[in-house]
Amino acid sequence: RSVLAEALERLGGIAGVDVGEGPDLPGEGHRTTVRTAVVDGRAGFRKARSHEVVTIANCMTAHPMLADLFSDGHYPGCNEVTMRVGEHTGERLVLAAPDARRVDVADDVMVVGTDELAAGRHGWHHEIVDGRRWRISATSFFQSRPDGADALVDTVHAGLDGASGRLVDLCCGVGLLGGSMAARDPGRWAVTGVERHRPAVLDAIENLGDLDDVRIVRASLASWNPSRADAVIADPARSGLGRDGVRRVAATRAKRVVLVSCDPASLGRDAGLLREAGYGLVDSTMIDLFPQTPHIEAVTVFAR
């Protein structure tokens, strides 16, 4: 919490923020997405500040349903493997680069190579968050733990503070945040999700097709043409919204902005830019999605 408060003061010029704390999440066995390097056909991680790959039999933070993909999986010809599992569905997926021709894993695992995706093949798994089933394509971003995703949805919902009207969900991925708001409060929101990654756009359309007043726009933050909104949710990459992104958020003239940040420094910079654009910080909540690492997720609410 002190790291976030310091970043908000030092980089954003906003002093005295009492950062709240989200739910206490387990520190082991939580990661449902793990990206590994490969050496001699075995998955592993690179040593700190090194390119050397160390193979492992298991990973303390990886979800238990990924354990045999470390201990028994063989990935000849690969230089990188991403392992994914839906905790609440049991569905597992391996994305292998540059191809999956010689990959040997359990029969229940969907295996797809990056070359196959480039040629037009589709591959995905599903997860349950906030009571909804979410399709997640092999290259689509999704929070790395469903309990953390639930915590984010709850915190974002609270941050909107009962507002209603037009809601823009920037960098919406597979539609989790904006879609959950629409599903929780039918008729309250007309949601526009904005996402640049084509597989995630297709996922979002699939995931939210049963909801009224939800549309998905394929556009990058830099190319998106802002429209008037009553509220904005933004979950940008680690680098944050930046000056251009904040300018586009401000152009919506939204009364409320809920910013999801995965880096304290980018949060501090974005908070300062939003303050310059006429938004005051209401509150900030830390959610420790990545225990035993220096990474911190925060949900910060701004009001015009």
Protein backbone atom coordinates (compact mmCIF):
# COMPACT_ATOMS: atom_id res chain seq x y z
CA ARG A 1 0.00 0.00 0.00
CA SER A 2 2.83 2.40 0.82
CA VAL A 3 4.37 1.77 -2.62
CA LEU A 4 1.15 2.89 -4.32
CA ALA A 5 0.74 5.92 -2.05
CA GLU A 6 4.34 6.96 -2.73
CA ALA A 7 3.90 6.58 -6.51
CA LEU A 8 0.72 8.68 -6.42
CA GLU A 9 2.50 11.42 -4.49
CA ARG A 10 5.88 11.35 -6.24
CA LEU A 11 4.70 10.84 -9.83
CA GLY A 12 1.12 12.08 -9.69
CA GLY A 13 1.46 14.98 -7.28
CA ILE A 14 -1.40 13.60 -5.17
CA ALA A 15 -0.44 13.43 -1.51
CA GLY A 16 -2.10 11.74 1.43
CA VAL A 17 -3.94 8.95 -0.40
CA ASP A 18 -5.03 6.25 2.03
CA VAL A 19 -4.78 3.20 -0.22
CA GLY A 20 -7.31 0.52 0.62
CA GLU A 21 -6.62 -3.18 0.60
CA GLY A 22 -8.55 -5.81 -1.30
CA PRO A 23 -9.25 -9.39 -0.20
CA ASP A 24 -6.47 -11.63 1.09
CA LEU A 25 -5.68 -14.02 -1.77
CA PRO A 26 -3.73 -17.29 -1.45
CA GLY A 27 -0.01 -17.00 -2.15
CA GLU A 28 0.56 -20.43 -3.68
CA GLY A 29 -1.00 -22.47 -6.47
CA HIS A 30 -2.91 -19.55 -7.96
CA ARG A 31 -1.51 -18.77 -11.41
CA THR A 32 -3.71 -20.19 -14.16
CA THR A 33 -1.49 -18.82 -16.94
CA VAL A 34 2.24 -19.54 -16.95
CA ARG A 35 4.66 -18.58 -19.71
CA THR A 36 7.84 -20.65 -19.81
CA ALA A 37 11.00 -20.99 -21.83
CA VAL A 38 12.02 -24.41 -23.16
CA VAL A 39 15.41 -26.15 -23.17
CA ASP A 40 16.02 -29.72 -24.31
CA GLY A 41 12.28 -30.16 -24.68
CA ARG A 42 11.51 -29.31 -21.04
CA ALA A 43 9.72 -26.25 -19.67
CA GLY A 44 11.55 -23.92 -17.32
CA PHE A 45 12.30 -20.35 -16.33
CA ARG A 46 15.24 -18.09 -17.02
CA LYS A 47 17.61 -17.27 -14.21
CA ALA A 48 17.39 -13.72 -12.89
CA ARG A 49 19.27 -11.30 -15.16
CA SER A 50 20.24 -14.19 -17.46
CA HIS A 51 19.15 -16.02 -20.60
CA GLU A 52 19.99 -19.40 -19.05
CA VAL A 53 16.91 -21.63 -18.71
CA VAL A 54 16.45 -23.79 -15.61
CA THR A 55 14.00 -26.68 -16.03
CA ILE A 56 11.71 -27.42 -13.10
CA ALA A 57 9.44 -30.23 -11.96
CA ASN A 58 6.82 -27.85 -10.55
CA CYS A 59 6.19 -24.17 -9.78
CA MET A 60 5.00 -23.02 -6.35
CA THR A 61 2.75 -20.29 -7.74
CA ALA A 62 1.36 -22.29 -10.69
CA HIS A 63 -2.11 -23.79 -10.35
CA PRO A 64 -1.97 -27.51 -9.38
CA MET A 65 -3.76 -28.44 -12.62
CA LEU A 66 -0.65 -27.26 -14.50
CA ALA A 67 1.75 -29.43 -12.47
CA ASP A 68 1.97 -32.36 -14.91
CA LEU A 69 2.65 -29.97 -17.79
CA PHE A 70 5.89 -29.10 -16.01
CA SER A 71 6.82 -32.56 -14.72
CA ASP A 72 5.67 -34.76 -17.61
CA GLY A 73 5.26 -32.44 -20.59
CA HIS A 74 7.74 -32.66 -23.45
CA TYR A 75 8.14 -29.81 -25.92
CA PRO A 76 10.80 -30.74 -28.52
CA GLY A 77 11.44 -28.05 -31.10
CA CYS A 78 9.84 -25.32 -28.98
CA ASN A 79 11.54 -22.28 -27.55
CA GLU A 80 8.57 -21.07 -25.53
CA VAL A 81 5.37 -22.58 -24.13
CA THR A 82 2.39 -20.87 -22.49
CA MET A 83 0.27 -23.09 -20.24
CA ARG A 84 -3.30 -22.10 -19.37
CA VAL A 85 -6.07 -23.67 -17.31
CA GLY A 86 -9.61 -22.75 -16.34
CA GLU A 87 -9.76 -23.38 -12.61
CA HIS A 88 -13.54 -23.74 -12.59
CA THR A 89 -13.86 -25.62 -15.90
CA GLY A 90 -10.78 -27.85 -15.82
CA GLU A 91 -10.04 -26.99 -19.46
CA ARG A 92 -6.32 -26.82 -20.25
CA LEU A 93 -4.42 -25.33 -23.18
CA VAL A 94 -0.80 -25.25 -24.30
CA LEU A 95 0.39 -22.63 -26.79
CA ALA A 96 3.71 -23.70 -28.28
CA ALA A 97 6.18 -21.58 -30.25
CA PRO A 98 7.15 -21.82 -33.00
CA ASP A 99 5.05 -24.98 -33.54
CA ALA A 100 3.44 -27.82 -31.64
CA ARG A 101 4.21 -30.72 -33.97
CA ARG A 102 6.20 -32.74 -31.42
CA VAL A 103 4.57 -31.61 -28.20
CA ASP A 104 3.67 -34.51 -25.89
CA VAL A 105 1.23 -33.74 -23.04
CA ALA A 106 -1.88 -35.33 -21.52
CA ASP A 107 -4.72 -36.10 -23.93
CA ASP A 108 -7.15 -33.64 -22.32
CA VAL A 109 -4.94 -30.63 -23.15
CA MET A 110 -5.71 -28.54 -26.21
CA VAL A 111 -2.38 -27.99 -27.97
CA VAL A 112 -1.89 -25.32 -30.60
CA GLY A 113 1.19 -23.83 -32.22
CA THR A 114 1.76 -20.17 -32.93
CA ASP A 115 2.23 -21.15 -36.58
CA GLU A 116 -1.27 -22.67 -36.62
CA LEU A 117 -2.79 -19.53 -35.13
CA ALA A 118 -1.06 -17.48 -37.83
CA ALA A 119 -2.61 -19.80 -40.43
CA GLY A 120 -6.10 -19.19 -39.06
CA ARG A 121 -6.68 -21.99 -36.55
CA HIS A 122 -8.50 -21.08 -33.33
CA GLY A 123 -7.82 -22.40 -29.86
CA TRP A 124 -9.28 -21.41 -26.51
CA HIS A 125 -10.30 -22.50 -23.03
CA HIS A 126 -13.00 -21.25 -20.66
CA GLU A 127 -13.09 -19.85 -17.14
CA ILE A 128 -15.89 -18.91 -14.73
CA VAL A 129 -15.72 -15.44 -13.17
CA ASP A 130 -18.55 -13.50 -11.55
CA GLY A 131 -20.91 -16.37 -12.32
CA ARG A 132 -20.33 -16.16 -16.09
CA ARG A 133 -18.48 -18.44 -18.48
CA TRP A 134 -15.71 -16.66 -20.41
CA ARG A 135 -14.07 -17.89 -23.60
CA ILE A 136 -10.38 -17.03 -23.62
CA SER A 137 -8.44 -17.54 -26.85
CA ALA A 138 -4.86 -18.80 -26.73
CA THR A 139 -3.36 -15.32 -27.12
CA SER A 140 -6.08 -13.29 -25.38
CA PHE A 141 -5.24 -11.56 -22.11
CA PHE A 142 -7.09 -12.70 -18.99
CA GLN A 143 -6.30 -12.17 -15.34
CA SER A 144 -3.98 -14.91 -14.15
CA ARG A 145 -6.24 -16.07 -11.29
CA PRO A 146 -10.05 -16.26 -11.20
CA ASP A 147 -10.32 -15.25 -7.52
CA GLY A 148 -8.34 -12.14 -8.38
CA ALA A 149 -10.57 -11.48 -11.39
CA ASP A 150 -13.61 -11.74 -9.10
CA ALA A 151 -11.97 -9.25 -6.73
CA LEU A 152 -11.35 -6.83 -9.59
CA VAL A 153 -14.95 -7.08 -10.79
CA ASP A 154 -16.24 -6.40 -7.28
CA THR A 155 -13.92 -3.42 -6.78
CA VAL A 156 -14.71 -1.90 -10.18
CA HIS A 157 -18.43 -2.31 -9.52
CA ALA A 158 -18.08 -0.53 -6.19
CA GLY A 159 -16.03 2.22 -7.85
CA LEU A 160 -18.83 3.02 -10.27
CA ASP A 161 -20.88 3.89 -7.17
CA GLY A 162 -24.31 3.20 -8.62
CA ALA A 163 -23.82 5.37 -11.70
CA SER A 164 -25.67 4.51 -14.91
CA GLY A 165 -25.88 5.42 -18.58
CA ARG A 166 -23.19 5.03 -21.21
CA LEU A 167 -20.17 3.01 -20.10
CA VAL A 168 -16.94 2.72 -22.09
CA ASP A 169 -14.65 -0.22 -21.29
CA LEU A 170 -11.21 0.60 -22.69
CA CYS A 171 -8.71 -2.19 -23.37
CA CYS A 172 -11.59 -4.52 -22.58
CA GLY A 173 -9.90 -7.81 -23.51
CA VAL A 174 -12.45 -10.62 -23.59
CA GLY A 175 -15.08 -8.28 -22.08
CA LEU A 176 -14.70 -9.16 -18.40
CA LEU A 177 -15.13 -5.80 -16.64
CA GLY A 178 -17.66 -3.98 -18.78
CA GLY A 179 -19.53 -7.20 -19.50
CA SER A 180 -19.77 -8.04 -15.81
CA MET A 181 -21.17 -4.58 -15.09
CA ALA A 182 -23.84 -5.05 -17.76
CA ALA A 183 -24.70 -8.54 -16.51
CA ARG A 184 -24.92 -7.47 -12.86
CA ASP A 185 -27.15 -4.48 -13.54
CA PRO A 186 -29.36 -5.21 -16.58
CA GLY A 187 -30.68 -2.02 -18.14
CA ARG A 188 -28.34 0.25 -16.19
CA TRP A 189 -25.56 0.46 -18.73
CA ALA A 190 -25.14 0.76 -22.48
CA VAL A 191 -21.61 -0.64 -22.80
CA THR A 192 -19.03 -0.04 -25.52
CA GLY A 193 -15.95 -2.23 -25.23
CA VAL A 194 -12.79 -1.13 -27.04
CA GLU A 195 -10.05 -3.67 -27.77
CA ARG A 196 -7.28 -3.92 -30.37
CA HIS A 197 -6.39 -7.65 -30.25
CA ARG A 198 -8.55 -9.48 -32.80
CA PRO A 199 -8.88 -12.83 -30.95
CA ALA A 200 -9.92 -10.98 -27.78
CA VAL A 201 -12.48 -8.97 -29.77
CA LEU A 202 -13.98 -12.21 -31.10
CA ASP A 203 -13.97 -13.63 -27.55
CA ALA A 204 -15.75 -10.55 -26.20
CA ILE A 205 -18.42 -10.74 -28.90
CA GLU A 206 -18.97 -14.41 -28.05
CA ASN A 207 -18.93 -13.82 -24.30
CA LEU A 208 -21.34 -10.90 -24.27
CA GLY A 209 -23.68 -11.86 -27.09
CA ASP A 210 -26.52 -12.60 -24.67
CA LEU A 211 -26.49 -9.09 -23.16
CA ASP A 212 -28.52 -6.17 -24.45
CA ASP A 213 -26.88 -2.80 -25.15
CA VAL A 214 -23.33 -4.14 -25.42
CA ARG A 215 -21.13 -3.58 -28.45
CA ILE A 216 -17.46 -4.28 -29.07
CA VAL A 217 -15.26 -2.01 -31.18
CA ARG A 218 -11.94 -3.21 -32.56
CA ALA A 219 -9.54 -0.30 -32.16
CA SER A 220 -6.36 0.58 -30.35
CA LEU A 221 -6.50 3.21 -27.66
CA ALA A 222 -4.53 5.51 -29.95
CA SER A 223 -6.97 5.10 -32.86
CA TRP A 224 -10.23 5.05 -30.91
CA ASN A 225 -12.53 7.99 -31.59
CA PRO A 226 -13.97 9.01 -28.19
CA SER A 227 -17.70 9.48 -27.73
CA ARG A 228 -19.66 10.90 -24.81
CA ALA A 229 -19.95 8.57 -21.83
CA ASP A 230 -21.14 8.67 -18.26
CA ALA A 231 -18.37 6.42 -16.97
CA VAL A 232 -15.15 4.85 -18.22
CA ILE A 233 -13.37 1.69 -17.15
CA ALA A 234 -9.78 1.41 -18.38
CA ASP A 235 -7.48 -1.59 -17.95
CA PRO A 236 -4.44 -0.66 -20.05
CA ALA A 237 -1.15 -2.49 -20.46
CA ARG A 238 1.63 -2.07 -17.90
CA SER A 239 2.71 1.21 -19.51
CA GLY A 240 -0.65 2.77 -18.57
CA LEU A 241 -2.91 5.16 -20.43
CA GLY A 242 -0.24 7.78 -21.08
CA ARG A 243 -0.93 11.33 -22.12
CA ASP A 244 -2.80 10.43 -25.30
CA GLY A 245 -4.95 7.83 -23.54
CA VAL A 246 -5.88 10.25 -20.77
CA ARG A 247 -6.75 12.86 -23.37
CA ARG A 248 -9.16 10.41 -25.00
CA VAL A 249 -10.69 9.45 -21.66
CA ALA A 250 -11.22 13.12 -20.84
CA ALA A 251 -12.82 13.65 -24.26
CA THR A 252 -15.69 11.38 -23.18
CA ARG A 253 -16.50 13.90 -20.41
CA ALA A 254 -17.30 10.93 -18.19
CA LYS A 255 -18.17 11.88 -14.63
CA ARG A 256 -16.42 8.77 -13.27
CA VAL A 257 -13.28 6.91 -14.36
CA VAL A 258 -12.19 3.58 -12.88
CA LEU A 259 -8.58 2.82 -13.75
CA VAL A 260 -7.12 -0.67 -13.33
CA SER A 261 -3.32 -0.48 -13.14
CA CYS A 262 -0.73 -3.24 -12.88
CA ASP A 263 2.25 -0.95 -12.26
CA PRO A 264 2.57 1.69 -9.51
CA ALA A 265 4.70 4.01 -11.66
CA SER A 266 2.22 4.08 -14.56
CA LEU A 267 -0.61 4.59 -12.06
CA GLY A 268 1.21 7.58 -10.59
CA ARG A 269 1.80 9.12 -14.00
CA ASP A 270 -1.77 8.48 -15.17
CA ALA A 271 -3.20 9.88 -11.93
CA GLY A 272 -1.25 13.08 -12.44
CA LEU A 273 -2.43 13.38 -16.03
CA LEU A 274 -6.05 12.74 -15.02
CA ARG A 275 -5.74 15.40 -12.33
CA GLU A 276 -4.52 17.88 -14.97
CA ALA A 277 -7.53 16.87 -17.11
CA GLY A 278 -9.94 17.79 -14.32
CA TYR A 279 -10.38 14.51 -12.45
CA GLY A 280 -9.94 14.20 -8.70
CA LEU A 281 -8.85 10.95 -7.09
CA VAL A 282 -11.66 9.43 -5.01
CA ASP A 283 -9.98 6.28 -3.72
CA SER A 284 -7.46 3.59 -4.63
CA THR A 285 -7.53 -0.09 -3.68
CA MET A 286 -4.61 -2.48 -3.86
CA ILE A 287 -5.38 -6.06 -4.96
CA ASP A 288 -2.45 -8.42 -4.55
CA LEU A 289 -2.94 -10.64 -7.60
CA PHE A 290 0.72 -11.66 -7.65
CA PRO A 291 1.84 -12.68 -4.15
CA GLN A 292 5.57 -13.25 -3.68
CA THR A 293 6.37 -10.86 -6.53
CA PRO A 294 6.87 -7.08 -6.64
CA HIS A 295 3.88 -6.66 -8.97
CA ILE A 296 0.81 -4.86 -7.63
CA GLU A 297 -2.65 -4.40 -9.13
CA ALA A 298 -4.68 -1.36 -8.17
CA VAL A 299 -8.18 -0.09 -8.88
CA THR A 300 -8.32 3.70 -8.64
CA VAL A 301 -11.47 5.78 -8.94
CA PHE A 302 -11.52 9.34 -10.29
CA ALA A 303 -14.41 11.80 -10.42
CA ARG A 304 -14.75 14.77 -12.74
